[in-house]
Amino acid sequence: MRVALITNHRSGSGTDAATLERGLAGHGLEVETFAIEDAGRLASGGRFDRVVVAGGDGSLGPAARAAVGLGVPFAVVPTGTANDFARALGVPLGRDEALALAAGAVDERLEEIDLARVGDRPWVNAASVGLSVLAAHEAHELKSRLGALAYAVGAARAAARGRPLEVTVRADGEEAFTGAAWQVIVGATGAFGGGSEIGGIDHGDGYLDAAVMPAGSRARLVRRAVGMRTGRLSAQRAVIDLRARRIEVHAPPDASFNVDGEVCPCVPAIFEIDSTAAVVVPG
């Protein structure tokens, strides 16, 4: 089997490309390596049977799009800090186990997922505006010391310091919410923030899901945080739950979105399903 290995040297664990190449070659694979910045060149890189991406959640959208362009599945070797996509899909978090799965050396199956986009940026997990962006900023400097726990600490700090945003949210062209909100989260898998999730999402149904948290007392944010950690946020009272093929979020011009863990100044943000991708998961 010939695979295209996409690596991101900026990801949390810093596993180098040579180590990953040896791991895949040890399972009998022919490997050609690309940096994440060059994922768009895969279509002209010859014939591949599979795309393997080693990186954090922010690397997965470009790799999935490259795999869709080649008409092949993609496999994930999680080397980020939170690795929310891998957790949500049951992909092993250990490097050797993930490499074995990517190489087809253990029982596997293909899972269909929705590949989303905002503008021309592909993503697979969740995009949000509001407290989550502040939380990600607060967590950034803590990742090296706390790992995924940094997201929980960042969220607590954001809840204490953040302010609501004035937003308008439209679902398939229909206005669904206008007013002050603590946070708007749009989900494909719906996983984000080191183990949090919106809840109730079918990641291959061709729809995006969104949760709007209207402004209210800070005391209620504790309940919202519990809902995100337990995957029940969309079922909570006062949280507006949406499902649509196209979700527009209009926010203040200086607002930023967190898209699969990376900051995106994409205001207004129009989220849509780009295509369907096949990801390798344990059989």
Protein backbone atom coordinates (compact mmCIF):
# COMPACT_ATOMS: atom_id res chain seq x y z
CA MET A 1 0.00 0.00 0.00
CA ARG A 2 1.31 3.46 -0.92
CA VAL A 3 0.43 6.22 1.51
CA ALA A 4 0.81 9.99 1.62
CA LEU A 5 1.96 11.00 5.10
CA ILE A 6 1.01 14.57 6.05
CA THR A 7 2.84 15.95 9.08
CA ASN A 8 2.57 19.10 11.17
CA HIS A 9 5.74 19.90 13.10
CA ARG A 10 3.87 22.47 15.21
CA SER A 11 1.59 19.87 16.82
CA GLY A 12 1.82 19.27 20.55
CA SER A 13 3.90 16.10 20.81
CA GLY A 14 6.41 17.13 18.14
CA THR A 15 6.87 13.63 16.70
CA ASP A 16 9.24 14.02 13.76
CA ALA A 17 8.46 12.88 10.22
CA ALA A 18 11.34 10.38 10.09
CA THR A 19 10.00 8.48 13.12
CA LEU A 20 6.53 8.33 11.58
CA GLU A 21 7.91 7.20 8.21
CA ARG A 22 9.83 4.37 9.88
CA GLY A 23 6.75 3.34 11.82
CA LEU A 24 4.63 3.05 8.66
CA ALA A 25 7.42 1.46 6.60
CA GLY A 26 7.81 -1.12 9.36
CA HIS A 27 4.33 -2.35 8.45
CA GLY A 28 5.34 -2.75 4.81
CA LEU A 29 4.00 0.54 3.46
CA GLU A 30 5.55 2.77 0.82
CA VAL A 31 5.54 6.29 2.24
CA GLU A 32 5.84 9.75 0.70
CA THR A 33 5.81 12.66 3.15
CA PHE A 34 4.24 16.11 2.80
CA ALA A 35 4.16 19.05 5.20
CA ILE A 36 0.65 20.20 6.14
CA GLU A 37 1.26 23.41 4.18
CA ASP A 38 1.68 21.28 1.04
CA ALA A 39 -1.42 19.10 1.45
CA GLY A 40 -2.95 20.75 -1.60
CA ARG A 41 -0.19 19.25 -3.78
CA LEU A 42 -1.27 15.69 -3.14
CA ALA A 43 -3.45 15.55 -6.23
CA SER A 44 -0.29 15.90 -8.33
CA GLY A 45 1.84 13.60 -6.16
CA GLY A 46 1.07 10.32 -7.89
CA ARG A 47 -1.17 7.44 -6.91
CA PHE A 48 -1.89 6.87 -3.22
CA ASP A 49 -4.07 4.30 -1.52
CA ARG A 50 -4.47 6.24 1.72
CA VAL A 51 -3.67 9.56 3.35
CA VAL A 52 -2.19 9.42 6.85
CA VAL A 53 -2.15 12.67 8.82
CA ALA A 54 -0.04 13.16 11.94
CA GLY A 55 -1.03 16.31 13.76
CA GLY A 56 -3.56 17.98 15.99
CA ASP A 57 -7.20 18.69 15.21
CA GLY A 58 -6.34 21.74 13.13
CA SER A 59 -4.42 19.55 10.67
CA LEU A 60 -7.27 17.18 9.93
CA GLY A 61 -9.48 19.34 7.71
CA PRO A 62 -6.80 19.96 5.05
CA ALA A 63 -5.76 16.31 5.14
CA ALA A 64 -9.35 15.10 4.83
CA ARG A 65 -9.91 17.42 1.87
CA ALA A 66 -6.76 16.05 0.20
CA ALA A 67 -8.01 12.49 0.73
CA VAL A 68 -11.41 13.36 -0.75
CA GLY A 69 -9.66 14.85 -3.77
CA LEU A 70 -7.73 11.62 -4.26
CA GLY A 71 -10.80 9.47 -3.66
CA VAL A 72 -9.14 7.55 -0.80
CA PRO A 73 -9.70 7.28 2.98
CA PHE A 74 -7.59 9.08 5.56
CA ALA A 75 -6.14 7.82 8.82
CA VAL A 76 -5.14 9.83 11.89
CA VAL A 77 -2.06 9.63 14.06
CA PRO A 78 -2.96 12.11 16.83
CA THR A 79 0.03 14.22 17.88
CA GLY A 80 -1.80 17.33 19.14
CA THR A 81 -2.69 18.38 22.67
CA ALA A 82 -6.43 17.66 22.86
CA ASN A 83 -6.90 15.27 19.89
CA ASP A 84 -10.67 15.68 20.13
CA PHE A 85 -11.37 14.10 16.74
CA ALA A 86 -9.44 10.93 17.62
CA ARG A 87 -11.24 10.67 20.96
CA ALA A 88 -14.65 11.14 19.33
CA LEU A 89 -14.02 8.49 16.65
CA GLY A 90 -12.22 5.98 18.89
CA VAL A 91 -8.84 6.32 17.15
CA PRO A 92 -5.98 5.18 19.45
CA LEU A 93 -4.11 8.05 21.10
CA GLY A 94 -0.85 6.11 21.39
CA ARG A 95 1.54 6.66 18.47
CA ASP A 96 2.39 3.01 17.80
CA GLU A 97 -1.23 1.86 18.03
CA ALA A 98 -2.38 4.68 15.73
CA LEU A 99 0.36 3.86 13.20
CA ALA A 100 -0.69 0.20 13.20
CA LEU A 101 -4.29 1.21 12.52
CA ALA A 102 -3.23 3.66 9.79
CA ALA A 103 -1.16 0.91 8.16
CA GLY A 104 -4.02 -1.61 8.15
CA ALA A 105 -2.09 -3.88 10.50
CA VAL A 106 -5.08 -4.31 12.85
CA ASP A 107 -8.82 -4.71 12.33
CA GLU A 108 -10.24 -1.57 10.76
CA ARG A 109 -13.31 -0.16 9.12
CA LEU A 110 -14.17 3.08 7.34
CA GLU A 111 -16.42 5.66 9.00
CA GLU A 112 -18.12 8.32 6.90
CA ILE A 113 -17.84 11.84 8.32
CA ASP A 114 -19.01 15.26 7.19
CA LEU A 115 -16.17 17.51 6.08
CA ALA A 116 -17.23 21.10 6.73
CA ARG A 117 -15.83 24.41 5.52
CA VAL A 118 -15.93 28.07 6.45
CA GLY A 119 -14.95 30.10 3.42
CA ASP A 120 -12.25 27.91 1.87
CA ARG A 121 -11.07 26.53 5.20
CA PRO A 122 -11.95 22.84 5.80
CA TRP A 123 -12.66 21.53 9.31
CA VAL A 124 -13.98 18.39 10.98
CA ASN A 125 -14.80 19.04 14.64
CA ALA A 126 -16.24 22.34 15.81
CA ALA A 127 -16.10 26.07 15.24
CA SER A 128 -17.14 28.63 17.81
CA VAL A 129 -17.18 32.28 18.74
CA GLY A 130 -17.42 33.79 22.20
CA LEU A 131 -16.07 32.29 25.41
CA SER A 132 -14.40 29.33 23.70
CA VAL A 133 -12.03 31.63 21.80
CA LEU A 134 -11.04 33.34 25.02
CA ALA A 135 -10.70 29.92 26.68
CA ALA A 136 -8.39 28.71 23.92
CA HIS A 137 -6.27 31.84 24.33
CA GLU A 138 -6.08 31.33 28.09
CA ALA A 139 -5.17 27.66 27.60
CA HIS A 140 -2.42 28.23 25.03
CA GLU A 141 0.42 28.95 27.45
CA LEU A 142 -0.68 26.14 29.79
CA LYS A 143 -0.64 23.31 27.24
CA SER A 144 3.01 22.40 27.72
CA ARG A 145 2.50 21.96 31.47
CA LEU A 146 -1.09 20.73 31.74
CA GLY A 147 -1.82 19.01 28.42
CA ALA A 148 -5.54 18.65 27.70
CA LEU A 149 -6.35 19.89 31.24
CA ALA A 150 -5.27 23.34 30.04
CA TYR A 151 -8.60 23.65 28.21
CA ALA A 152 -10.58 23.21 31.42
CA VAL A 153 -8.46 25.82 33.19
CA GLY A 154 -8.79 28.15 30.22
CA ALA A 155 -12.56 27.71 30.21
CA ALA A 156 -12.78 28.60 33.91
CA ARG A 157 -10.77 31.77 33.35
CA ALA A 158 -12.85 32.71 30.32
CA ALA A 159 -16.08 32.28 32.28
CA ALA A 160 -14.79 34.69 34.92
CA ARG A 161 -13.50 37.34 32.51
CA GLY A 162 -15.49 37.07 29.29
CA ARG A 163 -18.40 39.19 28.06
CA PRO A 164 -21.35 38.26 25.83
CA LEU A 165 -21.26 39.08 22.12
CA GLU A 166 -24.03 40.52 19.98
CA VAL A 167 -24.66 37.93 17.27
CA THR A 168 -27.16 36.96 14.62
CA VAL A 169 -27.43 33.30 13.67
CA ARG A 170 -29.19 32.01 10.56
CA ALA A 171 -29.89 28.37 9.77
CA ASP A 172 -30.53 27.59 6.09
CA GLY A 173 -31.41 31.24 5.54
CA GLU A 174 -33.86 31.53 8.43
CA GLU A 175 -33.01 33.80 11.35
CA ALA A 176 -32.71 31.61 14.44
CA PHE A 177 -31.27 34.01 17.02
CA THR A 178 -30.41 37.68 17.38
CA GLY A 179 -29.07 39.16 20.58
CA ALA A 180 -26.37 38.78 23.21
CA ALA A 181 -24.82 35.33 23.57
CA TRP A 182 -22.02 33.87 25.61
CA GLN A 183 -21.09 31.50 22.85
CA VAL A 184 -22.12 29.99 19.52
CA ILE A 185 -20.74 26.55 18.63
CA VAL A 186 -21.16 24.93 15.22
CA GLY A 187 -20.31 21.25 15.06
CA ALA A 188 -19.50 18.57 12.49
CA THR A 189 -18.41 15.88 14.98
CA GLY A 190 -19.11 18.44 17.70
CA ALA A 191 -15.99 17.56 19.72
CA PHE A 192 -13.79 20.37 21.04
CA GLY A 193 -11.91 21.78 24.01
CA GLY A 194 -10.08 18.73 25.35
CA GLY A 195 -13.02 16.35 25.64
CA SER A 196 -16.07 18.62 25.49
CA GLU A 197 -18.85 18.14 22.96
CA ILE A 198 -22.18 19.60 21.96
CA GLY A 199 -24.01 16.29 22.11
CA GLY A 200 -26.61 14.60 19.93
CA ILE A 201 -24.64 14.88 16.69
CA ASP A 202 -24.55 12.35 13.85
CA HIS A 203 -21.19 13.14 12.25
CA GLY A 204 -22.17 11.67 8.89
CA ASP A 205 -25.72 12.88 8.34
CA GLY A 206 -24.92 15.76 5.96
CA TYR A 207 -25.97 18.42 8.48
CA LEU A 208 -24.20 20.82 10.79
CA ASP A 209 -25.41 21.24 14.36
CA ALA A 210 -25.17 24.43 16.38
CA ALA A 211 -25.70 25.41 20.00
CA VAL A 212 -26.36 29.05 20.91
CA MET A 213 -25.86 30.00 24.56
CA PRO A 214 -27.84 33.21 25.18
CA ALA A 215 -26.39 35.69 27.65
CA GLY A 216 -27.40 35.27 31.26
CA SER A 217 -25.85 35.06 34.69
CA ARG A 218 -22.30 33.81 35.08
CA ALA A 219 -23.58 31.30 37.62
CA ARG A 220 -25.39 29.44 34.83
CA LEU A 221 -22.14 29.05 32.94
CA VAL A 222 -21.19 26.30 35.40
CA ARG A 223 -24.19 24.31 34.23
CA ARG A 224 -23.26 24.98 30.61
CA ALA A 225 -19.73 23.77 31.29
CA VAL A 226 -21.05 20.55 32.79
CA GLY A 227 -23.28 20.12 29.74
CA MET A 228 -20.29 20.44 27.42
CA ARG A 229 -18.21 17.95 29.41
CA THR A 230 -21.01 15.41 29.48
CA GLY A 231 -22.18 15.90 25.89
CA ARG A 232 -25.59 17.25 26.92
CA LEU A 233 -25.23 20.94 26.11
CA SER A 234 -27.78 20.94 23.28
CA ALA A 235 -30.42 19.40 25.58
CA GLN A 236 -30.15 22.09 28.27
CA ARG A 237 -32.95 24.60 28.80
CA ALA A 238 -32.38 28.02 27.19
CA VAL A 239 -29.69 26.62 24.86
CA ILE A 240 -30.87 27.00 21.26
CA ASP A 241 -30.22 23.81 19.30
CA LEU A 242 -30.03 24.06 15.50
CA ARG A 243 -29.46 21.63 12.63
CA ALA A 244 -28.94 22.87 9.09
CA ARG A 245 -26.85 22.47 5.95
CA ARG A 246 -25.73 26.11 6.13
CA ILE A 247 -25.26 28.13 9.32
CA GLU A 248 -24.33 31.81 9.27
CA VAL A 249 -22.97 33.56 12.33
CA HIS A 250 -22.72 37.35 12.21
CA ALA A 251 -20.60 38.75 15.05
CA PRO A 252 -18.77 42.03 15.76
CA PRO A 253 -16.01 42.82 13.22
CA ASP A 254 -13.25 42.32 15.80
CA ALA A 255 -14.51 38.88 16.88
CA SER A 256 -12.51 35.74 16.08
CA PHE A 257 -13.65 32.17 15.69
CA ASN A 258 -11.96 29.06 17.02
CA VAL A 259 -12.02 26.52 14.16
CA ASP A 260 -10.76 23.07 15.15
CA GLY A 261 -8.57 24.68 17.79
CA GLU A 262 -7.12 27.43 15.60
CA VAL A 263 -8.06 31.10 15.52
CA CYS A 264 -9.87 32.26 12.38
CA PRO A 265 -10.83 35.94 11.82
CA CYS A 266 -13.71 34.86 9.57
CA VAL A 267 -16.51 37.34 10.30
CA PRO A 268 -19.21 36.98 9.14
CA ALA A 269 -18.77 33.21 9.19
CA ILE A 270 -20.69 30.98 6.80
CA PHE A 271 -20.43 27.29 7.67
CA GLU A 272 -21.39 24.60 5.17
CA ILE A 273 -20.86 20.91 4.48
CA ASP A 274 -18.06 20.60 1.93
CA SER A 275 -18.17 16.86 1.22
CA THR A 276 -18.09 13.45 2.85
CA ALA A 277 -14.79 11.85 3.86
CA ALA A 278 -13.93 8.29 4.90
CA VAL A 279 -11.76 7.94 7.99
CA VAL A 280 -10.05 4.74 9.19
CA VAL A 281 -11.26 3.67 12.66
CA PRO A 282 -10.85 0.47 14.69
CA GLY A 283 -12.92 -2.44 13.40
